[in-house]
C-alpha atoms as a PDB file:
ATOM      1  CA  UNK A   1      20.467  -5.850  -6.618  1.00  0.00           C
ATOM      2  CA  UNK A   2      23.190  -4.273  -8.737  1.00  0.00           C
ATOM      3  CA  UNK A   3      23.775  -0.585  -9.366  1.00  0.00           C
ATOM      4  CA  UNK A   4      22.696  -0.689 -13.021  1.00  0.00           C
ATOM      5  CA  UNK A   5      19.322  -2.151 -12.094  1.00  0.00           C
ATOM      6  CA  UNK A   6      18.768   0.481  -9.390  1.00  0.00           C
ATOM      7  CA  UNK A   7      19.643   3.227 -11.856  1.00  0.00           C
ATOM      8  CA  UNK A   8      17.110   1.898 -14.357  1.00  0.00           C
ATOM      9  CA  UNK A   9      14.394   1.633 -11.672  1.00  0.00           C
ATOM     10  CA  UNK A  10      14.744   5.288 -10.701  1.00  0.00           C
ATOM     11  CA  UNK A  11      15.071   6.365 -14.333  1.00  0.00           C
ATOM     12  CA  UNK A  12      11.674   4.814 -15.025  1.00  0.00           C
ATOM     13  CA  UNK A  13      10.094   6.277 -11.888  1.00  0.00           C
ATOM     14  CA  UNK A  14      11.382   9.718 -12.900  1.00  0.00           C
ATOM     15  CA  UNK A  15      10.108   9.386 -16.473  1.00  0.00           C
ATOM     16  CA  UNK A  16       6.648   8.443 -15.178  1.00  0.00           C
ATOM     17  CA  UNK A  17       6.571  11.270 -12.620  1.00  0.00           C
ATOM     18  CA  UNK A  18       9.203  13.971 -13.279  1.00  0.00           C
ATOM     19  CA  UNK A  19       8.109  16.282 -10.441  1.00  0.00           C
ATOM     20  CA  UNK A  20       6.817  14.160  -7.567  1.00  0.00           C
ATOM     21  CA  UNK A  21       5.259  15.916  -4.606  1.00  0.00           C
ATOM     22  CA  UNK A  22       3.994  14.994  -1.184  1.00  0.00           C
ATOM     23  CA  UNK A  23       0.234  14.471  -0.978  1.00  0.00           C
ATOM     24  CA  UNK A  24       0.124  16.561   2.187  1.00  0.00           C
ATOM     25  CA  UNK A  25      -1.133  20.093   1.520  1.00  0.00           C
ATOM     26  CA  UNK A  26       1.011  22.977   2.785  1.00  0.00           C
ATOM     27  CA  UNK A  27       2.160  26.483   1.879  1.00  0.00           C
ATOM     28  CA  UNK A  28       5.217  26.929   4.099  1.00  0.00           C
ATOM     29  CA  UNK A  29       7.847  24.861   5.927  1.00  0.00           C
ATOM     30  CA  UNK A  30       5.888  25.427   9.149  1.00  0.00           C
ATOM     31  CA  UNK A  31       2.631  24.139   7.662  1.00  0.00           C
ATOM     32  CA  UNK A  32       4.519  21.092   6.344  1.00  0.00           C
ATOM     33  CA  UNK A  33       6.035  20.466   9.773  1.00  0.00           C
ATOM     34  CA  UNK A  34       2.584  20.556  11.383  1.00  0.00           C
ATOM     35  CA  UNK A  35       1.040  18.369   8.676  1.00  0.00           C
ATOM     36  CA  UNK A  36       3.768  15.722   8.921  1.00  0.00           C
ATOM     37  CA  UNK A  37       3.532  15.710  12.726  1.00  0.00           C
ATOM     38  CA  UNK A  38      -0.211  15.130  12.438  1.00  0.00           C
ATOM     39  CA  UNK A  39       0.230  12.405   9.814  1.00  0.00           C
ATOM     40  CA  UNK A  40       1.851   9.852  12.144  1.00  0.00           C
ATOM     41  CA  UNK A  41      -0.357   6.748  12.046  1.00  0.00           C
ATOM     42  CA  UNK A  42      -2.920   8.695  10.021  1.00  0.00           C
ATOM     43  CA  UNK A  43      -3.635   9.079   6.300  1.00  0.00           C
ATOM     44  CA  UNK A  44      -2.637  12.129   4.308  1.00  0.00           C
ATOM     45  CA  UNK A  45      -6.297  12.459   3.283  1.00  0.00           C
ATOM     46  CA  UNK A  46      -7.438  12.771   6.909  1.00  0.00           C
ATOM     47  CA  UNK A  47      -4.684  15.281   7.706  1.00  0.00           C
ATOM     48  CA  UNK A  48      -5.540  17.421   4.672  1.00  0.00           C
ATOM     49  CA  UNK A  49      -9.201  17.535   5.692  1.00  0.00           C
ATOM     50  CA  UNK A  50      -8.199  18.904   9.097  1.00  0.00           C
ATOM     51  CA  UNK A  51      -5.535  21.350   7.926  1.00  0.00           C
ATOM     52  CA  UNK A  52      -7.848  22.832   5.281  1.00  0.00           C
ATOM     53  CA  UNK A  53      -9.837  24.178   8.222  1.00  0.00           C
ATOM     54  CA  UNK A  54      -6.871  24.884  10.522  1.00  0.00           C
ATOM     55  CA  UNK A  55      -4.376  26.684   8.281  1.00  0.00           C
ATOM     56  CA  UNK A  56      -6.706  29.471   7.053  1.00  0.00           C
ATOM     57  CA  UNK A  57      -7.250  30.325  10.731  1.00  0.00           C
ATOM     58  CA  UNK A  58      -3.759  29.652  12.105  1.00  0.00           C
ATOM     59  CA  UNK A  59      -0.691  29.077   9.923  1.00  0.00           C
ATOM     60  CA  UNK A  60       2.176  30.403  12.074  1.00  0.00           C
ATOM     61  CA  UNK A  61       3.697  29.166  15.334  1.00  0.00           C
ATOM     62  CA  UNK A  62       2.265  32.189  17.176  1.00  0.00           C
ATOM     63  CA  UNK A  63      -1.237  31.690  15.790  1.00  0.00           C
ATOM     64  CA  UNK A  64      -1.426  27.974  16.545  1.00  0.00           C
ATOM     65  CA  UNK A  65       0.091  28.492  19.993  1.00  0.00           C
ATOM     66  CA  UNK A  66      -2.592  31.113  20.656  1.00  0.00           C
ATOM     67  CA  UNK A  67      -5.272  28.477  20.000  1.00  0.00           C
ATOM     68  CA  UNK A  68      -4.018  26.452  22.959  1.00  0.00           C
ATOM     69  CA  UNK A  69      -4.226  22.679  23.216  1.00  0.00           C
ATOM     70  CA  UNK A  70      -8.017  22.583  23.501  1.00  0.00           C
ATOM     71  CA  UNK A  71      -8.486  25.026  20.632  1.00  0.00           C
ATOM     72  CA  UNK A  72      -6.193  23.020  18.379  1.00  0.00           C
ATOM     73  CA  UNK A  73      -7.970  19.775  19.264  1.00  0.00           C
ATOM     74  CA  UNK A  74     -11.185  21.146  17.799  1.00  0.00           C
ATOM     75  CA  UNK A  75      -9.514  21.286  14.385  1.00  0.00           C
ATOM     76  CA  UNK A  76      -7.690  17.945  14.505  1.00  0.00           C
ATOM     77  CA  UNK A  77     -10.049  15.690  16.499  1.00  0.00           C
ATOM     78  CA  UNK A  78     -10.851  13.667  13.358  1.00  0.00           C
ATOM     79  CA  UNK A  79      -7.187  12.519  13.224  1.00  0.00           C
ATOM     80  CA  UNK A  80      -5.931   9.532  15.190  1.00  0.00           C
ATOM     81  CA  UNK A  81      -4.001  10.246  18.414  1.00  0.00           C
ATOM     82  CA  UNK A  82      -5.183  13.863  18.253  1.00  0.00           C
ATOM     83  CA  UNK A  83      -4.807  14.483  22.008  1.00  0.00           C
ATOM     84  CA  UNK A  84      -1.077  13.731  22.062  1.00  0.00           C
ATOM     85  CA  UNK A  85      -0.538  15.435  18.716  1.00  0.00           C
ATOM     86  CA  UNK A  86      -2.211  18.635  19.916  1.00  0.00           C
ATOM     87  CA  UNK A  87       0.040  18.728  22.992  1.00  0.00           C
ATOM     88  CA  UNK A  88       3.161  18.182  20.872  1.00  0.00           C
ATOM     89  CA  UNK A  89       2.263  20.764  18.225  1.00  0.00           C
ATOM     90  CA  UNK A  90       1.560  23.432  20.845  1.00  0.00           C
ATOM     91  CA  UNK A  91       4.868  22.693  22.631  1.00  0.00           C
ATOM     92  CA  UNK A  92       6.725  22.731  19.307  1.00  0.00           C
ATOM     93  CA  UNK A  93       5.168  26.096  18.409  1.00  0.00           C
ATOM     94  CA  UNK A  94       6.359  27.529  21.736  1.00  0.00           C
ATOM     95  CA  UNK A  95       9.907  26.295  21.066  1.00  0.00           C
ATOM     96  CA  UNK A  96       9.882  27.707  17.533  1.00  0.00           C
ATOM     97  CA  UNK A  97       8.827  31.114  18.857  1.00  0.00           C
ATOM     98  CA  UNK A  98      11.230  31.130  21.816  1.00  0.00           C
ATOM     99  CA  UNK A  99      14.306  29.510  20.253  1.00  0.00           C
ATOM    100  CA  UNK A 100      14.076  29.968  16.485  1.00  0.00           C
ATOM    101  CA  UNK A 101      12.338  33.307  15.864  1.00  0.00           C
ATOM    102  CA  UNK A 102       9.301  31.361  14.633  1.00  0.00           C
ATOM    103  CA  UNK A 103      11.327  29.909  11.754  1.00  0.00           C
ATOM    104  CA  UNK A 104      11.502  26.164  11.106  1.00  0.00           C
ATOM    105  CA  UNK A 105      15.160  25.106  11.470  1.00  0.00           C
ATOM    106  CA  UNK A 106      16.918  23.568   8.488  1.00  0.00           C
ATOM    107  CA  UNK A 107      18.982  21.034  10.405  1.00  0.00           C
ATOM    108  CA  UNK A 108      18.159  17.633  11.862  1.00  0.00           C
ATOM    109  CA  UNK A 109      19.347  18.307  15.418  1.00  0.00           C
ATOM    110  CA  UNK A 110      17.068  21.294  15.981  1.00  0.00           C
ATOM    111  CA  UNK A 111      14.134  19.645  14.230  1.00  0.00           C
ATOM    112  CA  UNK A 112      14.386  16.459  16.287  1.00  0.00           C
ATOM    113  CA  UNK A 113      14.498  18.539  19.478  1.00  0.00           C
ATOM    114  CA  UNK A 114      10.928  19.677  18.781  1.00  0.00           C
ATOM    115  CA  UNK A 115       8.201  17.682  20.580  1.00  0.00           C
ATOM    116  CA  UNK A 116       6.529  15.156  18.300  1.00  0.00           C
ATOM    117  CA  UNK A 117       9.304  15.353  15.698  1.00  0.00           C
ATOM    118  CA  UNK A 118      11.271  12.145  15.241  1.00  0.00           C
ATOM    119  CA  UNK A 119      13.820  11.190  12.634  1.00  0.00           C
ATOM    120  CA  UNK A 120      11.201  10.389   9.981  1.00  0.00           C
ATOM    121  CA  UNK A 121       9.371  13.721  10.365  1.00  0.00           C
ATOM    122  CA  UNK A 122      12.669  15.612  10.353  1.00  0.00           C
ATOM    123  CA  UNK A 123      13.682  13.835   7.146  1.00  0.00           C
ATOM    124  CA  UNK A 124      10.412  14.769   5.416  1.00  0.00           C
ATOM    125  CA  UNK A 125      10.849  18.442   6.339  1.00  0.00           C
ATOM    126  CA  UNK A 126      14.534  18.525   5.351  1.00  0.00           C
ATOM    127  CA  UNK A 127      13.779  16.870   2.015  1.00  0.00           C
ATOM    128  CA  UNK A 128      10.443  18.400   1.040  1.00  0.00           C
ATOM    129  CA  UNK A 129      10.675  21.901   2.514  1.00  0.00           C
ATOM    130  CA  UNK A 130      14.402  22.506   2.134  1.00  0.00           C
ATOM    131  CA  UNK A 131      15.470  20.272  -0.763  1.00  0.00           C
ATOM    132  CA  UNK A 132      18.052  18.364   1.233  1.00  0.00           C
ATOM    133  CA  UNK A 133      18.912  14.744   0.408  1.00  0.00           C
ATOM    134  CA  UNK A 134      17.133  12.938   3.235  1.00  0.00           C
ATOM    135  CA  UNK A 135      15.110   9.723   3.237  1.00  0.00           C
ATOM    136  CA  UNK A 136      12.032   9.400   5.445  1.00  0.00           C
ATOM    137  CA  UNK A 137      11.374   5.661   5.592  1.00  0.00           C
ATOM    138  CA  UNK A 138       7.700   5.004   6.287  1.00  0.00           C
ATOM    139  CA  UNK A 139       5.869   1.668   5.997  1.00  0.00           C
ATOM    140  CA  UNK A 140       5.549   2.067   2.208  1.00  0.00           C
ATOM    141  CA  UNK A 141       9.247   2.761   1.611  1.00  0.00           C
ATOM    142  CA  UNK A 142      10.269   0.009   4.032  1.00  0.00           C
ATOM    143  CA  UNK A 143       8.071  -2.489   2.186  1.00  0.00           C
ATOM    144  CA  UNK A 144       9.147  -1.436  -1.328  1.00  0.00           C
ATOM    145  CA  UNK A 145      12.843  -1.403  -0.408  1.00  0.00           C
ATOM    146  CA  UNK A 146      12.696  -4.919   1.028  1.00  0.00           C
ATOM    147  CA  UNK A 147      10.283  -6.442  -1.466  1.00  0.00           C
ATOM    148  CA  UNK A 148      12.080  -5.199  -4.595  1.00  0.00           C
ATOM    149  CA  UNK A 149      15.515  -5.662  -2.947  1.00  0.00           C
ATOM    150  CA  UNK A 150      16.472  -2.051  -3.783  1.00  0.00           C
ATOM    151  CA  UNK A 151      17.688  -1.680  -0.187  1.00  0.00           C
ATOM    152  CA  UNK A 152      16.718  -4.592   2.064  1.00  0.00           C
ATOM    153  CA  UNK A 153      17.071  -4.089   5.800  1.00  0.00           C
ATOM    154  CA  UNK A 154      15.744  -5.406   9.105  1.00  0.00           C
ATOM    155  CA  UNK A 155      14.683  -2.004  10.428  1.00  0.00           C
ATOM    156  CA  UNK A 156      13.838   1.505   9.272  1.00  0.00           C
ATOM    157  CA  UNK A 157      17.263   2.996  10.000  1.00  0.00           C
ATOM    158  CA  UNK A 158      19.091   0.235   8.143  1.00  0.00           C
ATOM    159  CA  UNK A 159      16.878   0.733   5.087  1.00  0.00           C
ATOM    160  CA  UNK A 160      17.322   4.515   5.279  1.00  0.00           C
ATOM    161  CA  UNK A 161      21.127   4.251   5.370  1.00  0.00           C
ATOM    162  CA  UNK A 162      21.194   1.775   2.488  1.00  0.00           C
ATOM    163  CA  UNK A 163      18.908   3.923   0.345  1.00  0.00           C
ATOM    164  CA  UNK A 164      21.085   6.966   0.965  1.00  0.00           C
ATOM    165  CA  UNK A 165      24.122   4.912  -0.065  1.00  0.00           C
ATOM    166  CA  UNK A 166      22.638   3.014  -3.016  1.00  0.00           C
ATOM    167  CA  UNK A 167      20.405   5.531  -4.796  1.00  0.00           C
ATOM    168  CA  UNK A 168      22.320   7.458  -7.483  1.00  0.00           C
ATOM    169  CA  UNK A 169      22.773  11.114  -6.510  1.00  0.00           C
ATOM    170  CA  UNK A 170      20.789  12.439  -9.464  1.00  0.00           C
ATOM    171  CA  UNK A 171      17.651  10.754  -8.048  1.00  0.00           C
ATOM    172  CA  UNK A 172      18.198  11.301  -4.334  1.00  0.00           C
ATOM    173  CA  UNK A 173      16.080  14.420  -3.758  1.00  0.00           C
ATOM    174  CA  UNK A 174      12.920  12.987  -5.354  1.00  0.00           C
ATOM    175  CA  UNK A 175      13.346   9.288  -4.580  1.00  0.00           C
ATOM    176  CA  UNK A 176      11.530   9.587  -1.242  1.00  0.00           C
ATOM    177  CA  UNK A 177       8.329  10.631  -3.034  1.00  0.00           C
ATOM    178  CA  UNK A 178       8.641   8.072  -5.827  1.00  0.00           C
ATOM    179  CA  UNK A 179       9.037   5.192  -3.381  1.00  0.00           C
ATOM    180  CA  UNK A 180       6.140   6.312  -1.165  1.00  0.00           C
ATOM    181  CA  UNK A 181       3.799   6.704  -4.145  1.00  0.00           C
ATOM    182  CA  UNK A 182       4.917   3.381  -5.594  1.00  0.00           C
ATOM    183  CA  UNK A 183       4.187   1.666  -2.277  1.00  0.00           C
ATOM    184  CA  UNK A 184       0.887   3.476  -1.806  1.00  0.00           C
ATOM    185  CA  UNK A 185      -0.586   2.761  -5.236  1.00  0.00           C
ATOM    186  CA  UNK A 186       1.280  -0.125  -6.902  1.00  0.00           C
ATOM    187  CA  UNK A 187       3.446  -2.158  -4.528  1.00  0.00           C
ATOM    188  CA  UNK A 188       0.650  -2.296  -1.954  1.00  0.00           C
ATOM    189  CA  UNK A 189       0.893  -4.419   1.170  1.00  0.00           C
ATOM    190  CA  UNK A 190      -1.598  -7.248   0.731  1.00  0.00           C
ATOM    191  CA  UNK A 191      -1.562  -7.882  -2.991  1.00  0.00           C
ATOM    192  CA  UNK A 192       0.982  -5.900  -4.994  1.00  0.00           C
ATOM    193  CA  UNK A 193      -0.188  -4.864  -8.457  1.00  0.00           C
ATOM    194  CA  UNK A 194       2.752  -6.481 -10.205  1.00  0.00           C
ATOM    195  CA  UNK A 195       0.980  -6.742 -13.565  1.00  0.00           C
ATOM    196  CA  UNK A 196       0.697  -2.958 -13.823  1.00  0.00           C
ATOM    197  CA  UNK A 197       4.103  -2.171 -12.280  1.00  0.00           C
ATOM    198  CA  UNK A 198       6.541  -0.240 -14.452  1.00  0.00           C
ATOM    199  CA  UNK A 199       9.560  -1.842 -12.761  1.00  0.00           C
ATOM    200  CA  UNK A 200       8.227  -5.418 -12.566  1.00  0.00           C
ATOM    201  CA  UNK A 201      11.002  -6.831 -14.771  1.00  0.00           C
ATOM    202  CA  UNK A 202      13.667  -5.238 -12.543  1.00  0.00           C
ATOM    203  CA  UNK A 203      12.104  -6.148  -9.194  1.00  0.00           C
ATOM    204  CA  UNK A 204      13.587  -9.119  -7.323  1.00  0.00           C
ATOM    205  CA  UNK A 205      10.399 -10.015  -5.410  1.00  0.00           C
ATOM    206  CA  UNK A 206      10.067 -13.791  -5.759  1.00  0.00           C
ATOM    207  CA  UNK A 207       6.309 -14.102  -5.170  1.00  0.00           C
ATOM    208  CA  UNK A 208       5.174 -11.752  -7.925  1.00  0.00           C
ATOM    209  CA  UNK A 209       1.430 -11.433  -8.444  1.00  0.00           C
ATOM    210  CA  UNK A 210      -0.062 -11.273 -11.939  1.00  0.00           C
END
């Protein structure tokens, strides 16, 4: 795919949704960090249902740490893998209190040192909470990048690096959200909704579905 076509794709995505946002609900970088950690292999809808009960009670590292693992589990037991996630969130809260004055760090190295925080989670926090150009490649972005040929790659890291290189700078901050939403609602896994896709004529997917 050439640069002009990529530019037009993101121009259209921006025109359709000028201020894209994550569907996770949060009011602070810490709440976002917790929500993204909980969202691994779970839907944003299920995470929001849990955090709507959790965050009014505990929305700081100290407050969640005070709940303890068992206390936290009570709020998140409707989310997949909640046992491991509770352990990780509690450990991460302890590290934030002890090492970072309860403030979420704004750099990848410190974020990825937190239990339960991998490269993808760190990228979401850097991009969404702190406005840094970072690309969190989830299953939706991986699929859209390969299917459209915006940034084809064999693995998540390869796709991430290509997207960071290929996407014009003016679109970089918001492109993560546009691609996720496009994959979630239009370029869906089983049967993409090509007929209602605003970039269908630019997409290089050979098996388009009407």
